Amino acid sequence: MIRFGPAGIPLSCKGRTLRDGIEDVHSLGLTAMEVQMLRINAMERFPDDDEIGLSPLEIETDLVVEIIRTKGKKEISITDPSEPIKESDVLISLASGLAQTYSEFNEIGAMGKEMDVQLSMHTPYYMDLGTNDELTAKCLNALRWAGMMTDQMDGKIVVTHMGLYGDNPKKQTKKNIIDNLSEIMAWWDDNGIRPKLGLEMSGRQEVFGSTSEIFEVCDNVPGTIPVINFAHVHARNPTLHEPEDFGILIDEVRKYASNDIYAHFAGVEHEGGNEKRITPIKRGDLKFEPLAEYLADESANVTIISSSPLLEHDAMYMKLIYERMLTRKVSKESRIKKGGKEQSFDDVGYDISIDGVSPSSDESASFPDDSIDDLDTESDSFDDLELKKSSPKRKR
């Protein structure tokens, strides 16, 4: 199955909670959403009287991610959310702006499953896993907390960058990253964290994360998988032009992620092997059509997250292109087998509407071939784009 969705809550969504975002994604006919862990704030406090004896999972006021407990002369850290709280403990609670309690994350995960919206999480975009300074320690905590939250909402994967090389030699930075991620994955195993940890390919030469570096880290750290950012890969080495170019990269990632690929796509402006800026998909020389053609010929599970400035609009744009390619493939095969007339794209229905094309009475809309080319992804203002949503339907 090929899933499409935005990196974050849709821009057109009137509400700004995760629940609002999931419902909006579903109503747009999309099937994935990457939760953005943008701001996190950890606070220490003592337990309230009515919290003593409860576990962090049972606390309904905030998200307790760690218990600091004194044993003898030593302080120990407890991250098991089912551990009962003692009077002398110090609690570390997290304000993330995503959900206030574990039960709320559970409800968000259940809502995602009910609406067939696959959830994942991206750590803060500025991460430093290679310099081993004070910031690295904070970033490692962010990875732990992202794992806990994603696990509670039954998410698929936690995606992270690894940061700049810094002043260290590249070889030392790579060793530090491998050591730090090995520590994180050991912690994930100890705490029963189920999602994979995805390492995103970078788009600049000074940032750790070339394809070869990602593969080497994944070779050395079990539980990690590569995450393809097609815009980043193309910026560093602009060779993604034909379906087979995308296929070579996906086949390499498949060695680590089996037949379950996770990727980002957007337009990109680049120069000298470096990303200058991320753009709407129609801009730049990285086109989605060749990737869609490759995916239409493959039987793979691929999640493609739109990291374009137009978020859900470009996610729907990719979905339409992919469905057109798939329709053409099926029509061609049918014509070859039966000698009949190839089915036109006008006969294919879709459950979303864009740029004034409204769903018909059976809640599907037909898009002629040239409707995709008319989608205005050149607009710099999302307000200029017309997105019409069908009423979300929950499974009963």
Protein backbone atom coordinates (compact mmCIF):
# COMPACT_ATOMS: atom_id res chain seq x y z
CA MET A 1 0.00 0.00 0.00
CA ILE A 2 1.17 3.52 -0.80
CA ARG A 3 0.26 6.11 1.83
CA PHE A 4 0.45 9.89 1.49
CA GLY A 5 0.23 12.54 4.18
CA PRO A 6 1.60 15.84 5.49
CA ALA A 7 4.46 16.60 7.85
CA GLY A 8 2.34 18.05 10.63
CA ILE A 9 -1.24 19.22 11.06
CA PRO A 10 -2.65 20.36 7.68
CA LEU A 11 -2.37 24.07 7.02
CA SER A 12 -6.06 24.20 6.08
CA CYS A 13 -7.12 22.64 9.39
CA LYS A 14 -9.11 25.06 11.54
CA GLY A 15 -8.16 23.33 14.78
CA ARG A 16 -4.53 22.86 15.80
CA THR A 17 -4.69 19.74 17.96
CA LEU A 18 -3.56 16.29 16.84
CA ARG A 19 -7.18 15.12 16.89
CA ASP A 20 -8.13 17.96 14.55
CA GLY A 21 -5.20 17.10 12.32
CA ILE A 22 -6.06 13.40 12.04
CA GLU A 23 -9.69 14.16 11.22
CA ASP A 24 -8.62 16.73 8.62
CA VAL A 25 -6.11 14.34 7.01
CA HIS A 26 -8.81 11.69 6.78
CA SER A 27 -11.34 14.09 5.25
CA LEU A 28 -8.80 15.01 2.56
CA GLY A 29 -8.45 11.38 1.53
CA LEU A 30 -4.92 11.03 2.93
CA THR A 31 -3.71 8.14 5.07
CA ALA A 32 -0.63 9.31 7.00
CA MET A 33 0.43 12.15 9.26
CA GLU A 34 3.85 12.83 10.74
CA VAL A 35 3.53 14.46 14.17
CA GLN A 36 6.04 17.27 14.63
CA MET A 37 7.83 17.36 18.00
CA LEU A 38 8.84 21.00 17.71
CA ARG A 39 8.98 22.27 21.27
CA ILE A 40 9.65 20.27 24.42
CA ASN A 41 10.06 21.50 27.95
CA ALA A 42 10.98 19.18 30.83
CA MET A 43 10.08 20.23 34.37
CA GLU A 44 10.97 18.76 37.79
CA ARG A 45 8.38 18.56 40.53
CA PHE A 46 7.47 16.58 43.61
CA PRO A 47 4.46 14.26 43.48
CA ASP A 48 1.13 15.48 44.82
CA ASP A 49 -0.38 13.55 47.71
CA ASP A 50 -3.04 11.97 45.50
CA GLU A 51 -0.37 10.79 43.02
CA ILE A 52 1.58 8.67 45.51
CA GLY A 53 1.06 5.01 44.69
CA LEU A 54 -0.11 5.76 41.16
CA SER A 55 1.99 5.10 38.07
CA PRO A 56 2.77 7.79 35.46
CA LEU A 57 0.29 6.01 33.18
CA GLU A 58 -2.48 6.75 35.69
CA ILE A 59 -1.73 10.45 36.19
CA GLU A 60 -4.31 12.59 34.41
CA THR A 61 -2.74 16.02 34.91
CA ASP A 62 0.52 15.88 32.98
CA LEU A 63 2.94 13.60 31.12
CA VAL A 64 5.48 12.14 33.57
CA VAL A 65 8.35 10.68 31.54
CA GLU A 66 10.86 9.93 34.31
CA ILE A 67 11.05 9.23 38.03
CA ILE A 68 14.20 10.22 39.93
CA ARG A 69 14.56 8.04 43.03
CA THR A 70 17.24 8.05 45.71
CA LYS A 71 18.60 4.66 46.74
CA GLY A 72 21.20 4.94 49.45
CA LYS A 73 23.49 7.71 48.28
CA LYS A 74 22.72 7.29 44.61
CA GLU A 75 20.01 8.70 42.39
CA ILE A 76 18.50 6.34 39.85
CA SER A 77 16.38 7.15 36.82
CA ILE A 78 13.18 5.14 36.24
CA THR A 79 11.49 5.46 32.86
CA ASP A 80 9.00 2.62 33.15
CA PRO A 81 5.59 4.42 33.05
CA SER A 82 3.98 1.60 35.05
CA GLU A 83 6.29 2.13 38.08
CA PRO A 84 4.37 3.21 41.24
CA ILE A 85 5.34 6.68 42.49
CA LYS A 86 6.79 7.09 45.99
CA GLU A 87 6.55 10.11 48.25
CA SER A 88 10.27 10.90 48.09
CA ASP A 89 10.47 10.70 44.27
CA VAL A 90 11.13 13.59 41.96
CA LEU A 91 9.03 13.55 38.80
CA ILE A 92 10.12 14.79 35.37
CA SER A 93 7.07 15.90 33.42
CA LEU A 94 7.03 16.95 29.80
CA ALA A 95 5.22 19.81 28.10
CA SER A 96 5.29 19.09 24.37
CA GLY A 97 2.18 20.80 23.05
CA LEU A 98 1.10 17.45 21.56
CA ALA A 99 -0.85 15.74 24.35
CA GLN A 100 -0.98 16.19 28.10
CA THR A 101 -1.20 12.58 29.29
CA TYR A 102 -0.47 9.02 28.23
CA SER A 103 -4.19 8.31 27.98
CA GLU A 104 -4.54 11.18 25.51
CA PHE A 105 -1.80 9.68 23.33
CA ASN A 106 -3.64 6.34 23.52
CA GLU A 107 -6.84 8.04 22.34
CA ILE A 108 -5.00 9.78 19.50
CA GLY A 109 -3.55 6.45 18.37
CA ALA A 110 -6.98 4.81 18.47
CA MET A 111 -8.41 7.66 16.42
CA GLY A 112 -5.65 7.25 13.84
CA LYS A 113 -6.42 3.54 13.47
CA GLU A 114 -10.15 4.17 13.27
CA MET A 115 -9.65 6.67 10.42
CA ASP A 116 -6.83 4.69 8.78
CA VAL A 117 -4.31 7.49 9.30
CA GLN A 118 -0.86 6.04 9.98
CA LEU A 119 0.96 8.09 12.63
CA SER A 120 4.68 8.75 13.05
CA MET A 121 6.77 11.40 14.81
CA HIS A 122 9.65 13.67 13.85
CA THR A 123 12.05 14.86 16.55
CA PRO A 124 13.04 18.55 16.72
CA TYR A 125 14.69 19.56 13.47
CA TYR A 126 17.89 20.78 15.11
CA MET A 127 19.52 17.70 16.60
CA ASP A 128 23.11 17.12 17.66
CA LEU A 129 24.05 13.48 18.19
CA GLY A 130 27.71 13.77 17.27
CA THR A 131 29.52 16.42 19.31
CA ASN A 132 28.88 14.85 22.75
CA ASP A 133 28.35 18.16 24.50
CA GLU A 134 25.49 19.41 26.68
CA LEU A 135 23.20 19.77 23.66
CA THR A 136 23.80 16.13 22.71
CA ALA A 137 22.51 15.01 26.10
CA LYS A 138 19.31 17.03 25.56
CA CYS A 139 18.87 15.57 22.07
CA LEU A 140 19.25 12.02 23.40
CA ASN A 141 16.49 12.77 25.91
CA ALA A 142 14.34 14.07 23.04
CA LEU A 143 14.82 10.72 21.28
CA ARG A 144 13.78 8.80 24.41
CA TRP A 145 10.68 10.95 24.90
CA ALA A 146 9.74 10.76 21.21
CA GLY A 147 9.98 6.97 21.44
CA MET A 148 7.72 6.89 24.50
CA MET A 149 5.08 9.18 22.98
CA THR A 150 5.09 7.41 19.59
CA ASP A 151 4.82 4.05 21.31
CA GLN A 152 1.81 5.23 23.35
CA MET A 153 -0.04 6.33 20.19
CA ASP A 154 0.98 3.10 18.43
CA GLY A 155 2.97 5.03 15.83
CA LYS A 156 5.06 3.48 13.09
CA ILE A 157 8.41 5.26 13.35
CA VAL A 158 10.35 8.07 15.01
CA VAL A 159 12.31 10.10 12.44
CA THR A 160 15.39 12.12 13.36
CA HIS A 161 18.26 14.10 11.95
CA MET A 162 21.72 13.60 13.44
CA GLY A 163 23.20 17.08 13.23
CA LEU A 164 26.32 18.86 12.05
CA TYR A 165 29.80 17.38 12.00
CA GLY A 166 30.94 20.23 14.25
CA ASP A 167 34.63 20.70 15.00
CA ASN A 168 35.32 16.98 15.25
CA PRO A 169 36.79 14.96 12.38
CA LYS A 170 34.05 13.24 10.39
CA LYS A 171 35.25 9.83 11.53
CA GLN A 172 34.94 10.84 15.20
CA THR A 173 31.48 12.35 14.66
CA LYS A 174 30.32 9.12 13.03
CA LYS A 175 31.68 7.07 15.95
CA ASN A 176 29.92 9.33 18.45
CA ILE A 177 26.63 9.03 16.56
CA ILE A 178 26.87 5.23 16.39
CA ASP A 179 27.70 5.02 20.12
CA ASN A 180 24.87 7.38 21.10
CA LEU A 181 22.28 5.66 18.93
CA SER A 182 23.39 2.26 20.24
CA GLU A 183 22.74 3.54 23.76
CA ILE A 184 19.32 4.84 22.71
CA MET A 185 18.30 1.59 21.04
CA ALA A 186 19.42 -0.41 24.09
CA TRP A 187 17.17 1.89 26.18
CA TRP A 188 14.32 1.37 23.70
CA ASP A 189 14.70 -2.40 24.03
CA ASP A 190 14.79 -2.22 27.84
CA ASN A 191 11.60 -0.14 27.86
CA GLY A 192 9.74 -2.12 25.21
CA ILE A 193 9.53 0.76 22.74
CA ARG A 194 8.04 -0.72 19.55
CA PRO A 195 8.45 1.92 16.78
CA LYS A 196 11.53 1.88 14.59
CA LEU A 197 14.04 4.72 14.75
CA GLY A 198 14.38 6.27 11.29
CA LEU A 199 17.55 8.14 10.31
CA GLU A 200 16.78 10.84 7.76
CA MET A 201 19.16 11.59 4.91
CA SER A 202 20.49 15.15 4.97
CA GLY A 203 20.61 17.78 2.24
CA ARG A 204 23.82 19.64 3.02
CA GLN A 205 27.46 18.62 2.96
CA GLU A 206 28.18 19.94 6.47
CA VAL A 207 25.33 17.90 7.97
CA PHE A 208 25.86 14.23 8.79
CA GLY A 209 23.57 12.03 6.74
CA SER A 210 24.71 11.13 3.24
CA THR A 211 23.16 7.90 1.96
CA SER A 212 26.38 5.95 2.60
CA GLU A 213 26.67 7.37 6.14
CA ILE A 214 23.05 6.47 6.94
CA PHE A 215 23.54 2.93 5.66
CA GLU A 216 26.73 2.52 7.70
CA VAL A 217 25.04 3.65 10.91
CA CYS A 218 22.11 1.30 10.27
CA ASP A 219 24.61 -1.53 9.71
CA ASN A 220 26.02 -0.85 13.17
CA VAL A 221 22.88 -0.01 15.16
CA PRO A 222 20.12 -2.67 15.12
CA GLY A 223 16.60 -1.25 15.20
CA THR A 224 17.42 1.77 13.04
CA ILE A 225 16.33 2.12 9.42
CA PRO A 226 17.06 4.67 6.68
CA VAL A 227 14.47 7.34 5.94
CA ILE A 228 14.65 8.68 2.39
CA ASN A 229 14.31 12.41 1.97
CA PHE A 230 14.24 12.60 -1.81
CA ALA A 231 14.74 16.38 -1.86
CA HIS A 232 17.81 16.09 0.37
CA VAL A 233 19.32 13.23 -1.61
CA HIS A 234 18.77 15.08 -4.88
CA ALA A 235 20.29 18.28 -3.51
CA ARG A 236 23.52 16.51 -2.53
CA ASN A 237 23.70 14.52 -5.76
CA PRO A 238 21.15 15.66 -8.38
CA THR A 239 20.64 12.34 -10.17
CA LEU A 240 16.99 11.51 -9.43
CA HIS A 241 15.41 11.99 -12.85
CA GLU A 242 14.18 8.64 -14.17
CA PRO A 243 12.09 5.88 -12.52
CA GLU A 244 15.14 3.62 -12.35
CA ASP A 245 17.08 6.33 -10.47
CA PHE A 246 14.48 6.25 -7.69
CA GLY A 247 14.39 2.46 -7.89
CA ILE A 248 18.12 2.11 -7.21
CA LEU A 249 17.82 4.19 -4.03
CA ILE A 250 14.67 2.43 -2.82
CA ASP A 251 16.21 -0.99 -3.45
CA GLU A 252 19.17 -0.02 -1.24
CA VAL A 253 16.85 1.12 1.56
CA ARG A 254 14.75 -2.04 1.18
CA LYS A 255 17.74 -4.06 2.44
CA TYR A 256 17.22 -2.40 5.84
CA ALA A 257 13.49 -1.67 5.91
CA SER A 258 12.31 -4.82 4.14
CA ASN A 259 9.31 -3.91 2.02
CA ASP A 260 8.14 -1.06 4.26
CA ILE A 261 9.69 2.23 3.10
CA TYR A 262 9.28 5.60 4.81
CA ALA A 263 10.14 8.75 2.86
CA HIS A 264 9.75 12.52 2.53
CA PHE A 265 9.16 14.35 -0.74
CA ALA A 266 9.16 18.02 -1.73
CA GLY A 267 10.56 20.31 -4.37
CA VAL A 268 14.07 21.64 -3.79
CA GLU A 269 16.39 24.38 -4.96
CA HIS A 270 20.03 23.36 -4.71
CA GLU A 271 23.50 24.52 -5.63
CA GLY A 272 26.95 22.95 -5.33
CA GLY A 273 25.70 19.79 -3.66
CA ASN A 274 23.70 21.67 -1.01
CA GLU A 275 20.04 22.33 -0.47
CA LYS A 276 19.21 26.02 -0.66
CA ARG A 277 15.52 25.76 0.21
CA ILE A 278 12.59 23.36 0.16
CA THR A 279 9.89 24.38 -2.35
CA PRO A 280 6.49 23.26 -3.63
CA ILE A 281 6.80 20.12 -5.74
CA LYS A 282 6.25 21.82 -9.10
CA ARG A 283 9.34 23.98 -8.60
CA GLY A 284 12.88 22.82 -9.20
CA ASP A 285 14.15 19.87 -11.18
CA LEU A 286 13.03 17.09 -8.82
CA LYS A 287 9.79 15.71 -10.25
CA PHE A 288 7.39 13.30 -8.61
CA GLU A 289 6.15 11.66 -11.83
CA PRO A 290 9.17 9.32 -12.24
CA LEU A 291 8.81 8.12 -8.65
CA ALA A 292 5.08 7.60 -9.14
CA GLU A 293 5.79 5.57 -12.27
CA TYR A 294 8.25 3.40 -10.35
CA LEU A 295 5.80 2.88 -7.47
CA ALA A 296 2.99 1.96 -9.84
CA ASP A 297 5.12 -0.93 -11.11
CA GLU A 298 6.18 -2.11 -7.64
CA SER A 299 4.29 -4.00 -4.94
CA ALA A 300 5.72 -2.22 -1.92
CA ASN A 301 4.47 -0.61 1.26
CA VAL A 302 5.64 3.00 1.04
CA THR A 303 4.69 5.99 3.18
CA ILE A 304 5.43 9.34 1.51
CA ILE A 305 5.26 12.43 3.71
CA SER A 306 4.92 15.82 2.05
CA SER A 307 7.48 18.20 3.57
CA SER A 308 6.66 20.82 0.94
CA PRO A 309 5.61 24.29 2.16
CA LEU A 310 2.17 23.38 0.80
CA LEU A 311 1.96 20.27 3.00
CA GLU A 312 -1.40 18.56 2.40
CA HIS A 313 -1.98 20.17 -1.01
CA ASP A 314 1.21 18.59 -2.34
CA ALA A 315 0.38 15.32 -0.54
CA MET A 316 -2.89 15.21 -2.51
CA TYR A 317 -1.06 16.24 -5.67
CA MET A 318 1.28 13.25 -5.27
CA LYS A 319 -1.65 10.95 -4.56
CA LEU A 320 -3.38 12.03 -7.76
CA ILE A 321 -0.27 11.57 -9.87
CA TYR A 322 0.33 8.12 -8.40
CA GLU A 323 -3.27 7.07 -9.01
CA ARG A 324 -3.09 8.30 -12.60
CA MET A 325 0.08 6.25 -13.17
CA LEU A 326 -1.54 3.21 -11.58
CA THR A 327 -4.64 3.61 -13.72
CA ARG A 328 -2.59 3.83 -16.89
CA LYS A 329 -0.68 0.70 -15.94
CA VAL A 330 -3.87 -1.28 -15.26
CA SER A 331 -5.48 0.01 -18.47
CA LYS A 332 -2.45 -0.92 -20.52
CA GLU A 333 -2.32 -4.41 -19.06
CA SER A 334 -6.03 -4.87 -19.62
CA ARG A 335 -5.73 -3.70 -23.23
CA ILE A 336 -2.87 -6.07 -23.88
CA LYS A 337 -4.73 -9.04 -22.39
CA LYS A 338 -8.14 -8.37 -23.88
CA GLY A 339 -7.35 -6.21 -26.89
CA GLY A 340 -9.89 -3.69 -25.63
CA LYS A 341 -9.81 0.08 -25.44
CA GLU A 342 -7.63 1.57 -22.73
CA GLN A 343 -9.60 3.07 -19.88
CA SER A 344 -9.33 6.83 -19.77
CA PHE A 345 -8.34 8.73 -16.67
CA ASP A 346 -11.76 10.42 -16.77
CA ASP A 347 -13.35 7.16 -15.61
CA VAL A 348 -11.41 7.03 -12.36
CA GLY A 349 -12.97 8.37 -9.14
CA TYR A 350 -11.22 10.05 -6.22
CA ASP A 351 -12.39 10.87 -2.76
CA ILE A 352 -10.95 14.39 -2.59
CA SER A 353 -11.48 17.58 -4.54
CA ILE A 354 -8.98 20.26 -5.44
CA ASP A 355 -9.22 23.64 -7.16
CA GLY A 356 -12.97 23.69 -7.50
CA VAL A 357 -13.56 20.03 -8.45
CA SER A 358 -16.26 18.85 -6.04
CA PRO A 359 -17.13 15.29 -5.02
CA SER A 360 -20.13 13.81 -6.80
CA SER A 361 -23.11 12.28 -5.04
CA ASP A 362 -21.21 9.02 -4.51
CA GLU A 363 -18.49 10.99 -2.74
CA SER A 364 -15.95 10.56 -5.52
CA ALA A 365 -14.72 13.03 -8.11
CA SER A 366 -13.32 12.43 -11.58
CA PHE A 367 -10.12 14.15 -12.57
CA PRO A 368 -9.17 14.38 -16.26
CA ASP A 369 -5.50 14.09 -17.17
CA ASP A 370 -4.96 17.82 -17.49
CA SER A 371 -6.50 18.57 -14.07
CA ILE A 372 -3.28 17.54 -12.36
CA ASP A 373 -1.26 19.95 -14.44
CA ASP A 374 -3.71 22.71 -13.54
CA LEU A 375 -3.13 22.32 -9.80
CA ASP A 376 -1.58 25.59 -8.68
CA THR A 377 1.37 24.42 -6.61
CA GLU A 378 3.34 27.49 -7.73
CA SER A 379 1.40 29.66 -5.32
CA ASP A 380 3.38 31.02 -2.38
CA SER A 381 0.22 31.57 -0.37
CA PHE A 382 -1.77 28.61 0.85
CA ASP A 383 -4.81 30.87 1.05
CA ASP A 384 -4.86 30.96 -2.76
CA LEU A 385 -5.48 27.21 -2.92
CA GLU A 386 -8.99 25.79 -2.72
CA LEU A 387 -9.22 22.57 -0.73
CA LYS A 388 -12.65 21.01 -0.40
CA LYS A 389 -13.06 18.26 2.14
CA SER A 390 -15.64 15.53 2.42
CA SER A 391 -17.14 14.93 5.84
CA PRO A 392 -14.93 12.55 7.82
CA LYS A 393 -16.48 9.15 8.38
CA ARG A 394 -15.51 6.98 11.28
CA LYS A 395 -15.69 3.23 11.02
CA ARG A 396 -18.46 1.73 13.08
